[in-house]
Protein backbone atom coordinates (compact mmCIF):
# COMPACT_ATOMS: atom_id res chain seq x y z
CA UNK A 1 -2.39 -32.41 -50.35
CA UNK A 2 0.39 -32.70 -47.74
CA UNK A 3 3.17 -35.04 -48.64
CA UNK A 4 3.78 -38.12 -46.55
CA UNK A 5 7.12 -39.75 -45.89
CA UNK A 6 5.52 -43.19 -46.04
CA UNK A 7 7.08 -45.09 -48.92
CA UNK A 8 9.12 -42.08 -50.03
CA UNK A 9 12.23 -42.37 -47.94
CA UNK A 10 13.30 -40.28 -45.01
CA UNK A 11 12.63 -36.58 -44.83
CA UNK A 12 15.32 -34.05 -43.88
CA UNK A 13 13.49 -33.57 -40.58
CA UNK A 14 13.69 -37.30 -39.82
CA UNK A 15 17.40 -37.33 -40.69
CA UNK A 16 18.11 -34.37 -38.41
CA UNK A 17 16.20 -35.90 -35.49
CA UNK A 18 18.08 -39.16 -36.03
CA UNK A 19 21.40 -37.33 -36.04
CA UNK A 20 20.52 -35.60 -32.77
CA UNK A 21 19.53 -38.89 -31.16
CA UNK A 22 22.74 -40.60 -32.33
CA UNK A 23 24.98 -37.73 -31.21
CA UNK A 24 23.45 -37.56 -27.74
CA UNK A 25 23.53 -41.35 -27.40
CA UNK A 26 27.25 -41.29 -28.17
CA UNK A 27 27.79 -38.45 -25.66
CA UNK A 28 26.23 -40.66 -22.99
CA UNK A 29 28.26 -43.69 -24.06
CA UNK A 30 25.12 -45.70 -24.77
CA UNK A 31 24.70 -48.45 -27.32
CA UNK A 32 21.56 -48.59 -29.44
CA UNK A 33 20.42 -51.43 -27.21
CA UNK A 34 21.07 -49.36 -24.10
CA UNK A 35 19.04 -46.46 -25.42
CA UNK A 36 16.31 -48.83 -26.55
CA UNK A 37 16.10 -50.31 -23.06
CA UNK A 38 15.81 -46.87 -21.49
CA UNK A 39 13.17 -45.71 -24.01
CA UNK A 40 11.31 -49.03 -23.98
CA UNK A 41 11.59 -49.71 -27.71
CA UNK A 42 13.29 -52.43 -29.75
CA UNK A 43 16.95 -51.73 -30.48
CA UNK A 44 16.38 -52.07 -34.23
CA UNK A 45 13.92 -49.17 -34.06
CA UNK A 46 16.63 -46.98 -32.54
CA UNK A 47 18.77 -47.83 -35.56
CA UNK A 48 15.91 -46.90 -37.87
CA UNK A 49 15.43 -43.59 -36.10
CA UNK A 50 19.11 -42.76 -36.28
CA UNK A 51 19.19 -43.31 -40.03
CA UNK A 52 16.06 -41.21 -40.50
CA UNK A 53 13.93 -44.18 -41.49
CA UNK A 54 11.74 -44.07 -38.40
CA UNK A 55 8.84 -41.66 -37.96
CA UNK A 56 8.34 -41.57 -34.19
CA UNK A 57 5.22 -40.43 -32.38
CA UNK A 58 5.34 -37.49 -30.01
CA UNK A 59 5.13 -39.95 -27.12
CA UNK A 60 8.17 -41.83 -28.37
CA UNK A 61 10.15 -38.63 -28.90
CA UNK A 62 9.32 -37.71 -25.28
CA UNK A 63 10.55 -41.12 -24.09
CA UNK A 64 13.72 -40.74 -26.15
CA UNK A 65 14.37 -37.31 -24.65
CA UNK A 66 13.99 -38.72 -21.15
CA UNK A 67 16.23 -41.68 -21.99
CA UNK A 68 18.81 -39.29 -23.44
CA UNK A 69 18.59 -37.09 -20.34
CA UNK A 70 17.57 -34.00 -22.30
CA UNK A 71 14.53 -31.77 -22.32
CA UNK A 72 12.02 -32.67 -25.05
CA UNK A 73 12.09 -29.09 -26.32
CA UNK A 74 15.85 -29.09 -26.75
CA UNK A 75 15.72 -32.34 -28.70
CA UNK A 76 13.29 -30.96 -31.28
CA UNK A 77 14.09 -27.24 -31.16
CA UNK A 78 14.79 -25.85 -34.61
CA UNK A 79 14.06 -29.10 -36.46
CA UNK A 80 11.70 -27.50 -38.96
CA UNK A 81 14.19 -24.76 -39.78
CA UNK A 82 17.07 -27.20 -40.13
CA UNK A 83 15.00 -29.43 -42.40
CA UNK A 84 14.78 -26.71 -45.03
CA UNK A 85 11.00 -26.53 -44.82
CA UNK A 86 9.01 -23.43 -44.13
CA UNK A 87 5.98 -23.30 -41.86
């Protein structure tokens, strides 16, 4: 049975995505609230994502990419490999 991150803490993949979001947000000089406004989410959820606690939908990742002014593919490229998991 596939493992779920629900109730088990953040996965390496979630941490890496959160790190990418935080780094790009800093590059743009945005606060969490500023990114949240652009992506149409609550600012506390941005904080959760950045710490790896959030598990965003594909739609939300697409909105984050747009808000961060990056291509969706570049935001998620290589995540599986960097998480230490194999396909």
